[in-house]
Amino acid sequence: MNSGTARKAASLALALGLIVGVDAVPAVGLPQPSGPGDAGTHVRALQERLLIRGYGLGETEGVFTWETLGALMDFQADHGLLADGRAGRDTLLVLFGKALDREGATEMPGWYGGGSELVPWGAVFRAQDVRTGITFNARRMGGYSHLDAEPLTPFDTDAMHTAYGGEWSWDRRPLLIRYQGRVLAASMNGMPHGFSTIKDNGMPGHFCIHFLGSRGDGSQRVSDTHQACVAEASRAAWKEP
């Protein structure tokens, strides 16, 4: 692939707000997850499988090009998958003919590939700190570049506070969100800040939840530490408290 095509692929990855290399660990027998701008034998395996399934490509040289993106999105759309242009776990399972995970398996949606709409404004959801298993209720109060949330009650604030060792901080922690039967991989910080809409929950402000590819409000930058926590959460399973 020439340098112009490579630049286009890299620019596309940035425009879509996608991060390379933070997907979930794939199932045995599947290539590594990939997306625009990636290259390697795992991308070649993806391209060859797309050809076998009837989704034509201009080349199968192991570089995730515009043609790869188009073929993959066509396959996703035809099979009822989120057409985000990333070869994530669920897409690879369908593409390679593996059995889909059971209902409630952890998903890792891209924020700018439909993930921002999975938990609508005002929705109440369950949240689980991956490392401690502590679970609490929260409500989405807003957020455009990421999800802004508040614990629902004082008991939920206490639970979240306990997950942080009894001290609020900006530290990122892997988080699972359960809403309408789906489990989503995310990352939270634990510092109350800004305004709040629930005045009697014991938290003086709100906290932030990030998904794959989401950004900070002011900087509009993708946080590497948030993305690492999202990847960690994607390898975890929801545990009923």
C-alpha atoms as a PDB file:
ATOM      1  CA  MET A   1       0.000   0.000   0.000  1.00  0.00           C
ATOM      2  CA  ASN A   2       1.413   3.427  -0.916  1.00  0.00           C
ATOM      3  CA  SER A   3       1.993   6.194   1.627  1.00  0.00           C
ATOM      4  CA  GLY A   4      -1.094   8.112   0.487  1.00  0.00           C
ATOM      5  CA  THR A   5      -3.363   5.154   1.182  1.00  0.00           C
ATOM      6  CA  ALA A   6      -1.691   4.597   4.543  1.00  0.00           C
ATOM      7  CA  ARG A   7      -2.297   8.232   5.486  1.00  0.00           C
ATOM      8  CA  LYS A   8      -5.943   7.937   4.486  1.00  0.00           C
ATOM      9  CA  ALA A   9      -6.380   4.827   6.615  1.00  0.00           C
ATOM     10  CA  ALA A  10      -4.748   6.483   9.625  1.00  0.00           C
ATOM     11  CA  SER A  11      -6.859   9.619   9.193  1.00  0.00           C
ATOM     12  CA  LEU A  12      -9.985   7.504   9.004  1.00  0.00           C
ATOM     13  CA  ALA A  13      -9.092   5.798  12.277  1.00  0.00           C
ATOM     14  CA  LEU A  14      -8.752   9.174  13.972  1.00  0.00           C
ATOM     15  CA  ALA A  15     -11.961  10.520  12.428  1.00  0.00           C
ATOM     16  CA  LEU A  16     -13.923   7.553  13.720  1.00  0.00           C
ATOM     17  CA  GLY A  17     -12.439   8.019  17.180  1.00  0.00           C
ATOM     18  CA  LEU A  18     -11.141   4.439  17.225  1.00  0.00           C
ATOM     19  CA  ILE A  19      -8.187   3.178  19.233  1.00  0.00           C
ATOM     20  CA  VAL A  20      -5.968   0.449  17.870  1.00  0.00           C
ATOM     21  CA  GLY A  21      -4.873  -2.400  20.060  1.00  0.00           C
ATOM     22  CA  VAL A  22      -7.293  -2.232  23.008  1.00  0.00           C
ATOM     23  CA  ASP A  23      -9.931  -4.741  21.986  1.00  0.00           C
ATOM     24  CA  ALA A  24     -10.796  -7.776  24.067  1.00  0.00           C
ATOM     25  CA  VAL A  25      -8.570 -10.850  23.928  1.00  0.00           C
ATOM     26  CA  PRO A  26     -10.044 -12.898  21.078  1.00  0.00           C
ATOM     27  CA  ALA A  27     -11.385 -16.413  21.420  1.00  0.00           C
ATOM     28  CA  VAL A  28      -9.061 -19.292  20.546  1.00  0.00           C
ATOM     29  CA  GLY A  29      -8.880 -19.802  16.799  1.00  0.00           C
ATOM     30  CA  LEU A  30      -9.802 -16.224  15.942  1.00  0.00           C
ATOM     31  CA  PRO A  31      -7.424 -13.550  14.683  1.00  0.00           C
ATOM     32  CA  GLN A  32      -6.642 -10.559  16.846  1.00  0.00           C
ATOM     33  CA  PRO A  33      -9.295  -7.785  16.676  1.00  0.00           C
ATOM     34  CA  SER A  34      -8.380  -4.998  14.279  1.00  0.00           C
ATOM     35  CA  GLY A  35      -9.530  -1.740  12.765  1.00  0.00           C
ATOM     36  CA  PRO A  36      -8.561   1.046  10.342  1.00  0.00           C
ATOM     37  CA  GLY A  37      -4.820   1.639  10.239  1.00  0.00           C
ATOM     38  CA  ASP A  38      -3.871  -1.809  11.627  1.00  0.00           C
ATOM     39  CA  ALA A  39      -1.548  -4.165   9.791  1.00  0.00           C
ATOM     40  CA  GLY A  40      -0.274  -7.705  10.215  1.00  0.00           C
ATOM     41  CA  THR A  41      -1.141 -11.357   9.798  1.00  0.00           C
ATOM     42  CA  HIS A  42      -4.340 -10.896  11.825  1.00  0.00           C
ATOM     43  CA  VAL A  43      -5.580  -8.346   9.279  1.00  0.00           C
ATOM     44  CA  ARG A  44      -4.647 -10.679   6.412  1.00  0.00           C
ATOM     45  CA  ALA A  45      -6.675 -13.461   8.058  1.00  0.00           C
ATOM     46  CA  LEU A  46      -9.630 -11.097   8.332  1.00  0.00           C
ATOM     47  CA  GLN A  47      -9.353 -10.098   4.668  1.00  0.00           C
ATOM     48  CA  GLU A  48      -9.081 -13.686   3.463  1.00  0.00           C
ATOM     49  CA  ARG A  49     -12.127 -14.678   5.492  1.00  0.00           C
ATOM     50  CA  LEU A  50     -14.133 -11.780   4.077  1.00  0.00           C
ATOM     51  CA  LEU A  51     -13.266 -12.992   0.573  1.00  0.00           C
ATOM     52  CA  ILE A  52     -14.371 -16.537   1.431  1.00  0.00           C
ATOM     53  CA  ARG A  53     -17.670 -15.162   2.722  1.00  0.00           C
ATOM     54  CA  GLY A  54     -18.209 -13.263  -0.544  1.00  0.00           C
ATOM     55  CA  TYR A  55     -17.176  -9.774   0.488  1.00  0.00           C
ATOM     56  CA  GLY A  56     -14.694  -8.711  -2.174  1.00  0.00           C
ATOM     57  CA  LEU A  57     -11.527  -6.744  -1.554  1.00  0.00           C
ATOM     58  CA  GLY A  58      -9.049  -5.057  -3.838  1.00  0.00           C
ATOM     59  CA  GLU A  59      -6.152  -6.698  -2.017  1.00  0.00           C
ATOM     60  CA  THR A  60      -5.355  -8.991   0.927  1.00  0.00           C
ATOM     61  CA  GLU A  61      -1.926  -7.705   1.864  1.00  0.00           C
ATOM     62  CA  GLY A  62      -2.495  -7.498   5.596  1.00  0.00           C
ATOM     63  CA  VAL A  63      -3.176  -3.749   5.830  1.00  0.00           C
ATOM     64  CA  PHE A  64      -6.590  -2.522   7.006  1.00  0.00           C
ATOM     65  CA  THR A  65      -7.442  -0.229   4.076  1.00  0.00           C
ATOM     66  CA  TRP A  66     -10.540   1.653   2.964  1.00  0.00           C
ATOM     67  CA  GLU A  67     -11.541  -1.420   0.940  1.00  0.00           C
ATOM     68  CA  THR A  68     -11.255  -3.601   4.051  1.00  0.00           C
ATOM     69  CA  LEU A  69     -13.383  -1.135   5.985  1.00  0.00           C
ATOM     70  CA  GLY A  70     -16.116  -1.149   3.333  1.00  0.00           C
ATOM     71  CA  ALA A  71     -16.204  -4.940   3.022  1.00  0.00           C
ATOM     72  CA  LEU A  72     -16.313  -5.375   6.795  1.00  0.00           C
ATOM     73  CA  MET A  73     -19.110  -2.819   7.276  1.00  0.00           C
ATOM     74  CA  ASP A  74     -21.136  -4.540   4.529  1.00  0.00           C
ATOM     75  CA  PHE A  75     -20.691  -7.869   6.315  1.00  0.00           C
ATOM     76  CA  GLN A  76     -21.676  -6.347   9.680  1.00  0.00           C
ATOM     77  CA  ALA A  77     -24.787  -4.701   8.239  1.00  0.00           C
ATOM     78  CA  ASP A  78     -25.858  -7.917   6.487  1.00  0.00           C
ATOM     79  CA  HIS A  79     -25.541  -9.937   9.703  1.00  0.00           C
ATOM     80  CA  GLY A  80     -27.244  -7.623  12.164  1.00  0.00           C
ATOM     81  CA  LEU A  81     -24.010  -6.432  13.781  1.00  0.00           C
ATOM     82  CA  LEU A  82     -23.076  -2.894  14.751  1.00  0.00           C
ATOM     83  CA  ALA A  83     -21.539  -1.565  11.519  1.00  0.00           C
ATOM     84  CA  ASP A  84     -18.673   0.295  13.187  1.00  0.00           C
ATOM     85  CA  GLY A  85     -15.942  -0.901  10.830  1.00  0.00           C
ATOM     86  CA  ARG A  86     -13.998  -2.701  13.553  1.00  0.00           C
ATOM     87  CA  ALA A  87     -13.321  -6.419  13.592  1.00  0.00           C
ATOM     88  CA  GLY A  88     -14.147  -6.876  17.264  1.00  0.00           C
ATOM     89  CA  ARG A  89     -14.967 -10.079  19.105  1.00  0.00           C
ATOM     90  CA  ASP A  90     -18.632 -10.361  18.133  1.00  0.00           C
ATOM     91  CA  THR A  91     -17.915  -9.631  14.465  1.00  0.00           C
ATOM     92  CA  LEU A  92     -15.081 -12.182  14.368  1.00  0.00           C
ATOM     93  CA  LEU A  93     -17.246 -14.839  15.978  1.00  0.00           C
ATOM     94  CA  VAL A  94     -19.878 -14.443  13.259  1.00  0.00           C
ATOM     95  CA  LEU A  95     -17.362 -14.051  10.424  1.00  0.00           C
ATOM     96  CA  PHE A  96     -15.420 -17.198  11.362  1.00  0.00           C
ATOM     97  CA  GLY A  97     -18.513 -19.266  12.080  1.00  0.00           C
ATOM     98  CA  LYS A  98     -18.001 -19.598  15.833  1.00  0.00           C
ATOM     99  CA  ALA A  99     -20.896 -19.854  18.259  1.00  0.00           C
ATOM    100  CA  LEU A 100     -21.961 -16.485  19.618  1.00  0.00           C
ATOM    101  CA  ASP A 101     -21.475 -15.870  23.315  1.00  0.00           C
ATOM    102  CA  ARG A 102     -24.380 -16.382  25.663  1.00  0.00           C
ATOM    103  CA  GLU A 103     -26.780 -13.525  26.359  1.00  0.00           C
ATOM    104  CA  GLY A 104     -25.261 -11.023  28.753  1.00  0.00           C
ATOM    105  CA  ALA A 105     -21.679 -11.464  27.518  1.00  0.00           C
ATOM    106  CA  THR A 106     -19.541  -8.348  27.767  1.00  0.00           C
ATOM    107  CA  GLU A 107     -19.555  -6.088  24.715  1.00  0.00           C
ATOM    108  CA  MET A 108     -17.090  -3.307  23.886  1.00  0.00           C
ATOM    109  CA  PRO A 109     -18.940  -0.823  21.659  1.00  0.00           C
ATOM    110  CA  GLY A 110     -17.182   2.189  20.190  1.00  0.00           C
ATOM    111  CA  TRP A 111     -18.506   5.475  21.545  1.00  0.00           C
ATOM    112  CA  TYR A 112     -18.617   7.003  18.066  1.00  0.00           C
ATOM    113  CA  GLY A 113     -19.925   3.808  16.464  1.00  0.00           C
ATOM    114  CA  GLY A 114     -23.274   3.798  18.246  1.00  0.00           C
ATOM    115  CA  GLY A 115     -22.080   3.270  21.814  1.00  0.00           C
ATOM    116  CA  SER A 116     -23.119   6.755  22.895  1.00  0.00           C
ATOM    117  CA  GLU A 117     -26.762   5.835  22.253  1.00  0.00           C
ATOM    118  CA  LEU A 118     -26.876   2.500  24.105  1.00  0.00           C
ATOM    119  CA  VAL A 119     -27.583   4.129  27.481  1.00  0.00           C
ATOM    120  CA  PRO A 120     -29.802   7.157  26.739  1.00  0.00           C
ATOM    121  CA  TRP A 121     -29.908  10.363  28.752  1.00  0.00           C
ATOM    122  CA  GLY A 122     -31.900   9.898  31.944  1.00  0.00           C
ATOM    123  CA  ALA A 123     -31.557   6.098  31.905  1.00  0.00           C
ATOM    124  CA  VAL A 124     -30.914   4.265  35.171  1.00  0.00           C
ATOM    125  CA  PHE A 125     -28.393   1.427  34.910  1.00  0.00           C
ATOM    126  CA  ARG A 126     -26.359  -0.943  37.054  1.00  0.00           C
ATOM    127  CA  ALA A 127     -22.603  -0.423  37.321  1.00  0.00           C
ATOM    128  CA  GLN A 128     -20.030  -2.905  38.607  1.00  0.00           C
ATOM    129  CA  ASP A 129     -16.446  -2.121  39.563  1.00  0.00           C
ATOM    130  CA  VAL A 130     -14.496  -4.927  37.884  1.00  0.00           C
ATOM    131  CA  ARG A 131     -11.686  -5.206  40.419  1.00  0.00           C
ATOM    132  CA  THR A 132     -13.826  -5.353  43.567  1.00  0.00           C
ATOM    133  CA  GLY A 133     -17.157  -6.636  42.224  1.00  0.00           C
ATOM    134  CA  ILE A 134     -18.932  -3.792  44.038  1.00  0.00           C
ATOM    135  CA  THR A 135     -22.191  -2.939  42.275  1.00  0.00           C
ATOM    136  CA  PHE A 136     -24.238   0.252  42.402  1.00  0.00           C
ATOM    137  CA  ASN A 137     -27.032   2.035  40.548  1.00  0.00           C
ATOM    138  CA  ALA A 138     -26.424   5.176  38.515  1.00  0.00           C
ATOM    139  CA  ARG A 139     -28.236   7.474  36.122  1.00  0.00           C
ATOM    140  CA  ARG A 140     -26.933   9.059  32.966  1.00  0.00           C
ATOM    141  CA  MET A 141     -27.278  12.806  33.402  1.00  0.00           C
ATOM    142  CA  GLY A 142     -25.784  13.727  30.032  1.00  0.00           C
ATOM    143  CA  GLY A 143     -22.497  13.818  28.212  1.00  0.00           C
ATOM    144  CA  TYR A 144     -21.545  14.163  24.538  1.00  0.00           C
ATOM    145  CA  SER A 145     -17.884  13.123  24.347  1.00  0.00           C
ATOM    146  CA  HIS A 146     -18.370  10.516  27.078  1.00  0.00           C
ATOM    147  CA  LEU A 147     -21.080   9.527  29.548  1.00  0.00           C
ATOM    148  CA  ASP A 148     -21.711  11.721  32.610  1.00  0.00           C
ATOM    149  CA  ALA A 149     -23.389   9.882  35.468  1.00  0.00           C
ATOM    150  CA  GLU A 150     -24.518  10.160  39.085  1.00  0.00           C
ATOM    151  CA  PRO A 151     -25.074   7.486  41.736  1.00  0.00           C
ATOM    152  CA  LEU A 152     -28.806   7.086  42.176  1.00  0.00           C
ATOM    153  CA  THR A 153     -29.047   7.083  46.000  1.00  0.00           C
ATOM    154  CA  PRO A 154     -26.788   7.695  49.027  1.00  0.00           C
ATOM    155  CA  PHE A 155     -26.355   3.915  49.290  1.00  0.00           C
ATOM    156  CA  ASP A 156     -25.065   3.813  45.723  1.00  0.00           C
ATOM    157  CA  THR A 157     -22.675   6.694  46.432  1.00  0.00           C
ATOM    158  CA  ASP A 158     -21.364   4.804  49.481  1.00  0.00           C
ATOM    159  CA  ALA A 159     -20.853   1.662  47.377  1.00  0.00           C
ATOM    160  CA  MET A 160     -18.902   3.563  44.727  1.00  0.00           C
ATOM    161  CA  HIS A 161     -16.893   5.331  47.433  1.00  0.00           C
ATOM    162  CA  THR A 162     -16.017   1.944  48.937  1.00  0.00           C
ATOM    163  CA  ALA A 163     -14.830   0.690  45.540  1.00  0.00           C
ATOM    164  CA  TYR A 164     -12.395   3.615  45.565  1.00  0.00           C
ATOM    165  CA  GLY A 165     -11.064   2.620  48.958  1.00  0.00           C
ATOM    166  CA  GLY A 166     -12.957   5.328  50.788  1.00  0.00           C
ATOM    167  CA  GLU A 167     -11.271   8.237  49.005  1.00  0.00           C
ATOM    168  CA  TRP A 168     -12.492   9.950  45.841  1.00  0.00           C
ATOM    169  CA  SER A 169      -9.853  10.306  43.132  1.00  0.00           C
ATOM    170  CA  TRP A 170      -9.394  10.805  39.391  1.00  0.00           C
ATOM    171  CA  ASP A 171      -8.008   7.268  39.132  1.00  0.00           C
ATOM    172  CA  ARG A 172      -9.478   5.262  36.274  1.00  0.00           C
ATOM    173  CA  ARG A 173     -11.082   1.925  37.086  1.00  0.00           C
ATOM    174  CA  PRO A 174     -12.523  -0.732  34.731  1.00  0.00           C
ATOM    175  CA  LEU A 175     -16.314  -0.761  34.892  1.00  0.00           C
ATOM    176  CA  LEU A 176     -19.130  -2.934  33.573  1.00  0.00           C
ATOM    177  CA  ILE A 177     -22.492  -1.347  32.771  1.00  0.00           C
ATOM    178  CA  ARG A 178     -25.629  -3.485  32.685  1.00  0.00           C
ATOM    179  CA  TYR A 179     -28.614  -1.985  30.881  1.00  0.00           C
ATOM    180  CA  GLN A 180     -31.582  -3.671  29.192  1.00  0.00           C
ATOM    181  CA  GLY A 181     -29.906  -7.075  29.244  1.00  0.00           C
ATOM    182  CA  ARG A 182     -26.602  -5.926  27.757  1.00  0.00           C
ATOM    183  CA  VAL A 183     -23.245  -5.708  29.530  1.00  0.00           C
ATOM    184  CA  LEU A 184     -20.919  -2.975  28.270  1.00  0.00           C
ATOM    185  CA  ALA A 185     -17.206  -2.500  28.920  1.00  0.00           C
ATOM    186  CA  ALA A 186     -16.320   0.949  30.244  1.00  0.00           C
ATOM    187  CA  SER A 187     -13.995   2.933  32.502  1.00  0.00           C
ATOM    188  CA  MET A 188     -14.834   5.405  35.251  1.00  0.00           C
ATOM    189  CA  ASN A 189     -13.045   8.029  37.283  1.00  0.00           C
ATOM    190  CA  GLY A 190     -14.054   8.573  40.894  1.00  0.00           C
ATOM    191  CA  MET A 191     -13.815  12.306  41.480  1.00  0.00           C
ATOM    192  CA  PRO A 192     -17.123  14.175  41.920  1.00  0.00           C
ATOM    193  CA  HIS A 193     -17.007  17.340  39.853  1.00  0.00           C
ATOM    194  CA  GLY A 194     -19.216  19.841  38.055  1.00  0.00           C
ATOM    195  CA  PHE A 195     -22.934  20.106  38.583  1.00  0.00           C
ATOM    196  CA  SER A 196     -25.427  17.468  39.666  1.00  0.00           C
ATOM    197  CA  THR A 197     -29.124  16.826  39.157  1.00  0.00           C
ATOM    198  CA  ILE A 198     -29.719  14.391  42.035  1.00  0.00           C
ATOM    199  CA  LYS A 199     -29.416  16.553  45.154  1.00  0.00           C
ATOM    200  CA  ASP A 200     -29.908  13.904  47.842  1.00  0.00           C
ATOM    201  CA  ASN A 201     -27.521  11.144  46.746  1.00  0.00           C
ATOM    202  CA  GLY A 202     -24.573  12.327  48.819  1.00  0.00           C
ATOM    203  CA  MET A 203     -22.270  13.083  45.859  1.00  0.00           C
ATOM    204  CA  PRO A 204     -21.357  16.749  45.287  1.00  0.00           C
ATOM    205  CA  GLY A 205     -21.261  16.570  41.512  1.00  0.00           C
ATOM    206  CA  HIS A 206     -21.097  13.818  38.903  1.00  0.00           C
ATOM    207  CA  PHE A 207     -18.504  11.351  37.602  1.00  0.00           C
ATOM    208  CA  CYS A 208     -17.399  10.316  34.117  1.00  0.00           C
ATOM    209  CA  ILE A 209     -17.707   6.997  32.317  1.00  0.00           C
ATOM    210  CA  HIS A 210     -15.694   6.369  29.158  1.00  0.00           C
ATOM    211  CA  PHE A 211     -16.221   3.831  26.380  1.00  0.00           C
ATOM    212  CA  LEU A 212     -13.956   2.699  23.560  1.00  0.00           C
ATOM    213  CA  GLY A 213     -12.802   5.811  21.716  1.00  0.00           C
ATOM    214  CA  SER A 214     -14.632   8.376  23.873  1.00  0.00           C
ATOM    215  CA  ARG A 215     -12.963  11.700  24.617  1.00  0.00           C
ATOM    216  CA  GLY A 216     -12.488  14.307  27.305  1.00  0.00           C
ATOM    217  CA  ASP A 217     -14.860  17.272  27.171  1.00  0.00           C
ATOM    218  CA  GLY A 218     -12.317  20.083  27.060  1.00  0.00           C
ATOM    219  CA  SER A 219      -9.259  18.549  25.432  1.00  0.00           C
ATOM    220  CA  GLN A 220     -11.182  16.228  23.102  1.00  0.00           C
ATOM    221  CA  ARG A 221      -8.352  13.784  23.632  1.00  0.00           C
ATOM    222  CA  VAL A 222      -8.664  10.039  24.116  1.00  0.00           C
ATOM    223  CA  SER A 223      -7.246   8.965  27.479  1.00  0.00           C
ATOM    224  CA  ASP A 224      -4.860   6.008  27.236  1.00  0.00           C
ATOM    225  CA  THR A 225      -5.560   5.048  30.849  1.00  0.00           C
ATOM    226  CA  HIS A 226      -9.323   5.071  30.292  1.00  0.00           C
ATOM    227  CA  GLN A 227      -8.877   2.939  27.177  1.00  0.00           C
ATOM    228  CA  ALA A 228      -6.693   0.447  29.042  1.00  0.00           C
ATOM    229  CA  CYS A 229      -9.428   0.121  31.661  1.00  0.00           C
ATOM    230  CA  VAL A 230     -12.065  -0.368  28.950  1.00  0.00           C
ATOM    231  CA  ALA A 231      -9.946  -3.201  27.534  1.00  0.00           C
ATOM    232  CA  GLU A 232      -9.606  -4.735  31.009  1.00  0.00           C
ATOM    233  CA  ALA A 233     -13.373  -4.524  31.509  1.00  0.00           C
ATOM    234  CA  SER A 234     -13.979  -6.198  28.143  1.00  0.00           C
ATOM    235  CA  ARG A 235     -12.261  -9.323  29.452  1.00  0.00           C
ATOM    236  CA  ALA A 236     -14.458  -9.448  32.563  1.00  0.00           C
ATOM    237  CA  ALA A 237     -17.912 -10.932  33.062  1.00  0.00           C
ATOM    238  CA  TRP A 238     -20.791  -9.507  35.080  1.00  0.00           C
ATOM    239  CA  LYS A 239     -21.055 -11.097  38.519  1.00  0.00           C
ATOM    240  CA  GLU A 240     -24.401 -11.070  40.243  1.00  0.00           C
ATOM    241  CA  PRO A 241     -23.935  -9.480  43.675  1.00  0.00           C
END
